[in-house]
């Protein structure tokens, strides 16, 4: 049985209380994960806000590289992740592998999109007063993203929140489903290895 810590501010932190994660086929506990309290959430949000001040300046190509490396690591660890999905979500192997492939694709797509996030110019000459004028807008990171994900796709629905947040220069605080948290913790390991700043 593996015991996990929670991932806050680029560090693995103990929260004190642990939650049992059961294998859906046998009912046996196969992992213990941190049960976060209010102080843990405050620490996560404050850490994400502090990190945002620097991360929002991260160039698109760097965010893209981090996401591509994460995609590659998901693929490299596909059997391990699929096994965890089978255990904690009770999915058949075929669907678990399919979800891992989809998670890989989601990170790959986000890697590409990181380099395509830009603004647009708008000609203003539809109005007489707009002759020889052009308006424009740019897209900028918003800040800390709060994400809560359900149990039924423990990798892919997490990926659909985490990858776009990173691609667009935001930081994120994720609360995965309490019945399927291990997959999200493995993804945190992958993102750390991929070079996501603290």
Protein backbone atom coordinates (compact mmCIF):
# COMPACT_ATOMS: atom_id res chain seq x y z
CA UNK A 1 0.00 0.00 0.00
CA UNK A 2 1.33 3.41 -0.93
CA UNK A 3 0.88 6.54 1.18
CA UNK A 4 0.87 9.85 -0.67
CA UNK A 5 1.43 13.45 0.35
CA UNK A 6 -0.34 16.43 -1.16
CA UNK A 7 1.39 18.62 -3.74
CA UNK A 8 1.43 22.30 -2.75
CA UNK A 9 3.75 24.96 -4.10
CA UNK A 10 5.96 22.42 -5.84
CA UNK A 11 6.54 20.43 -2.64
CA UNK A 12 5.08 17.23 -1.23
CA UNK A 13 3.39 18.17 2.06
CA UNK A 14 1.87 16.08 4.86
CA UNK A 15 -1.53 17.21 6.08
CA UNK A 16 -1.79 14.94 9.09
CA UNK A 17 -5.02 13.14 8.21
CA UNK A 18 -5.21 10.40 5.59
CA UNK A 19 -8.05 9.03 3.49
CA UNK A 20 -8.28 5.39 2.40
CA UNK A 21 -8.61 4.75 -1.32
CA UNK A 22 -10.23 1.41 -2.08
CA UNK A 23 -9.90 -0.87 -5.05
CA UNK A 24 -13.37 -1.02 -6.55
CA UNK A 25 -13.16 -4.72 -7.52
CA UNK A 26 -12.00 -6.08 -4.16
CA UNK A 27 -12.94 -3.37 -1.66
CA UNK A 28 -9.39 -3.45 -0.30
CA UNK A 29 -7.51 -0.28 0.61
CA UNK A 30 -4.65 0.11 -1.89
CA UNK A 31 -3.54 3.67 -1.09
CA UNK A 32 -3.76 6.39 1.50
CA UNK A 33 -3.95 10.02 0.41
CA UNK A 34 -3.90 13.31 2.28
CA UNK A 35 -7.17 14.67 3.56
CA UNK A 36 -6.77 18.42 3.24
CA UNK A 37 -8.29 20.79 5.76
CA UNK A 38 -8.92 24.53 5.58
CA UNK A 39 -5.33 25.42 6.40
CA UNK A 40 -4.08 23.15 3.58
CA UNK A 41 -6.46 24.81 1.14
CA UNK A 42 -5.34 28.26 2.29
CA UNK A 43 -1.71 27.22 1.84
CA UNK A 44 -2.45 25.89 -1.66
CA UNK A 45 -4.32 29.04 -2.75
CA UNK A 46 -1.68 31.37 -1.30
CA UNK A 47 1.14 29.34 -2.90
CA UNK A 48 -0.66 29.39 -6.25
CA UNK A 49 -1.15 33.17 -5.99
CA UNK A 50 2.51 33.73 -5.19
CA UNK A 51 3.57 31.43 -8.03
CA UNK A 52 1.23 33.22 -10.45
CA UNK A 53 3.17 36.47 -10.17
CA UNK A 54 6.14 34.73 -11.82
CA UNK A 55 4.41 32.04 -13.88
CA UNK A 56 2.32 34.56 -15.82
CA UNK A 57 5.61 35.86 -17.28
CA UNK A 58 6.66 32.40 -18.50
CA UNK A 59 7.06 32.48 -22.29
CA UNK A 60 4.64 30.48 -24.41
CA UNK A 61 7.39 28.21 -25.73
CA UNK A 62 8.38 27.25 -22.17
CA UNK A 63 4.79 26.45 -21.19
CA UNK A 64 4.48 24.45 -24.41
CA UNK A 65 7.64 22.45 -23.64
CA UNK A 66 6.45 21.65 -20.11
CA UNK A 67 3.11 20.42 -21.43
CA UNK A 68 4.72 18.35 -24.21
CA UNK A 69 7.10 16.73 -21.73
CA UNK A 70 4.14 15.98 -19.43
CA UNK A 71 2.31 14.39 -22.38
CA UNK A 72 5.33 12.22 -23.14
CA UNK A 73 5.63 11.17 -19.49
CA UNK A 74 1.94 10.24 -19.37
CA UNK A 75 2.50 7.99 -22.36
CA UNK A 76 5.66 6.54 -20.80
CA UNK A 77 3.74 5.70 -17.59
CA UNK A 78 0.53 4.61 -19.35
CA UNK A 79 0.38 1.08 -17.89
CA UNK A 80 0.95 2.35 -14.35
CA UNK A 81 -1.69 5.07 -14.70
CA UNK A 82 -4.19 2.71 -16.36
CA UNK A 83 -3.70 0.21 -13.52
CA UNK A 84 -4.48 2.91 -10.95
CA UNK A 85 -7.57 3.99 -12.91
CA UNK A 86 -8.75 0.35 -12.96
CA UNK A 87 -8.32 0.12 -9.20
CA UNK A 88 -9.71 3.44 -8.01
CA UNK A 89 -12.41 4.01 -10.66
CA UNK A 90 -13.32 0.37 -11.32
CA UNK A 91 -12.87 0.77 -15.08
CA UNK A 92 -12.03 -2.10 -17.38
CA UNK A 93 -8.46 -2.15 -18.72
CA UNK A 94 -9.55 -1.22 -22.26
CA UNK A 95 -11.27 1.95 -21.03
CA UNK A 96 -8.47 2.81 -18.61
CA UNK A 97 -5.85 2.65 -21.37
CA UNK A 98 -8.18 4.69 -23.59
CA UNK A 99 -8.41 7.35 -20.91
CA UNK A 100 -4.63 7.52 -20.56
CA UNK A 101 -4.26 7.97 -24.33
CA UNK A 102 -6.89 10.71 -24.21
CA UNK A 103 -5.04 12.38 -21.31
CA UNK A 104 -1.84 12.27 -23.36
CA UNK A 105 -3.67 13.90 -26.28
CA UNK A 106 -5.16 16.59 -24.04
CA UNK A 107 -1.70 17.61 -22.85
CA UNK A 108 -0.35 17.47 -26.40
CA UNK A 109 -3.19 19.70 -27.65
CA UNK A 110 -2.59 22.13 -24.78
CA UNK A 111 1.12 22.20 -25.67
CA UNK A 112 0.21 23.33 -29.19
CA UNK A 113 -2.38 25.83 -27.97
CA UNK A 114 0.11 27.45 -25.59
CA UNK A 115 1.84 28.90 -28.63
CA UNK A 116 -1.40 30.00 -30.31
CA UNK A 117 -2.88 32.09 -27.51
CA UNK A 118 -2.88 35.58 -28.94
CA UNK A 119 -5.12 38.56 -29.53
CA UNK A 120 -6.69 39.98 -32.62
CA UNK A 121 -6.81 43.24 -34.50
CA UNK A 122 -10.17 44.78 -35.34
CA UNK A 123 -10.56 47.39 -38.09
CA UNK A 124 -12.69 50.26 -36.79
CA UNK A 125 -13.49 51.88 -40.13
CA UNK A 126 -17.07 50.62 -40.18
CA UNK A 127 -17.76 53.94 -38.48
CA UNK A 128 -16.78 57.29 -39.97
CA UNK A 129 -14.93 58.20 -36.80
CA UNK A 130 -12.98 54.94 -37.05
CA UNK A 131 -11.36 55.72 -40.38
CA UNK A 132 -7.64 54.83 -40.29
CA UNK A 133 -8.02 53.30 -36.83
CA UNK A 134 -7.52 49.77 -35.64
CA UNK A 135 -8.48 48.28 -32.32
CA UNK A 136 -6.85 45.23 -30.79
CA UNK A 137 -7.01 42.95 -27.83
CA UNK A 138 -4.59 40.53 -26.22
CA UNK A 139 -5.17 37.53 -24.02
CA UNK A 140 -3.52 37.49 -20.61
CA UNK A 141 -3.50 34.96 -17.75
CA UNK A 142 -6.34 35.35 -15.24
CA UNK A 143 -4.72 34.13 -12.02
CA UNK A 144 -5.39 31.13 -9.79
CA UNK A 145 -7.80 28.60 -11.26
CA UNK A 146 -9.88 26.49 -8.87
CA UNK A 147 -10.74 23.07 -10.26
CA UNK A 148 -12.93 20.34 -8.82
CA UNK A 149 -13.10 17.11 -10.81
CA UNK A 150 -15.46 14.12 -10.67
CA UNK A 151 -14.65 10.43 -10.28
CA UNK A 152 -15.65 9.05 -13.66
CA UNK A 153 -12.58 10.18 -15.67
CA UNK A 154 -9.86 10.64 -13.04
CA UNK A 155 -7.13 11.50 -15.56
CA UNK A 156 -8.89 13.04 -18.53
CA UNK A 157 -11.20 15.42 -16.67
CA UNK A 158 -8.27 16.54 -14.53
CA UNK A 159 -6.21 17.02 -17.72
CA UNK A 160 -8.99 19.12 -19.26
CA UNK A 161 -8.63 21.60 -16.40
CA UNK A 162 -4.91 21.46 -15.59
CA UNK A 163 -3.42 21.51 -19.11
CA UNK A 164 -5.33 24.59 -20.40
CA UNK A 165 -4.62 26.48 -17.16
CA UNK A 166 -0.90 25.91 -17.62
CA UNK A 167 -1.04 26.60 -21.36
CA UNK A 168 -2.54 30.02 -20.72
CA UNK A 169 -0.10 30.98 -17.95
CA UNK A 170 -2.38 30.45 -14.97
CA UNK A 171 -1.72 28.56 -11.75
CA UNK A 172 -4.20 26.00 -10.48
CA UNK A 173 -5.49 24.43 -7.28
CA UNK A 174 -7.08 21.05 -7.98
CA UNK A 175 -9.45 19.09 -5.76
CA UNK A 176 -9.89 15.64 -7.33
CA UNK A 177 -12.75 13.34 -6.39
CA UNK A 178 -12.10 11.70 -3.02
CA UNK A 179 -12.79 8.26 -4.53
CA UNK A 180 -10.22 8.68 -7.35
CA UNK A 181 -7.40 10.94 -6.11
CA UNK A 182 -4.34 8.78 -6.84
CA UNK A 183 -4.38 9.42 -10.59
CA UNK A 184 -4.27 13.20 -9.94
CA UNK A 185 -1.32 12.74 -7.57
CA UNK A 186 0.54 10.77 -10.23
CA UNK A 187 -0.16 13.61 -12.65
CA UNK A 188 1.36 16.03 -10.11
CA UNK A 189 4.51 13.86 -10.08
CA UNK A 190 4.57 13.99 -13.88
CA UNK A 191 4.17 17.78 -13.98
CA UNK A 192 6.95 18.20 -11.45
CA UNK A 193 9.23 15.99 -13.53
CA UNK A 194 8.19 17.89 -16.68
CA UNK A 195 9.59 21.08 -15.16
CA UNK A 196 6.50 22.91 -13.95
CA UNK A 197 7.79 25.69 -11.66
CA UNK A 198 6.92 25.50 -7.96
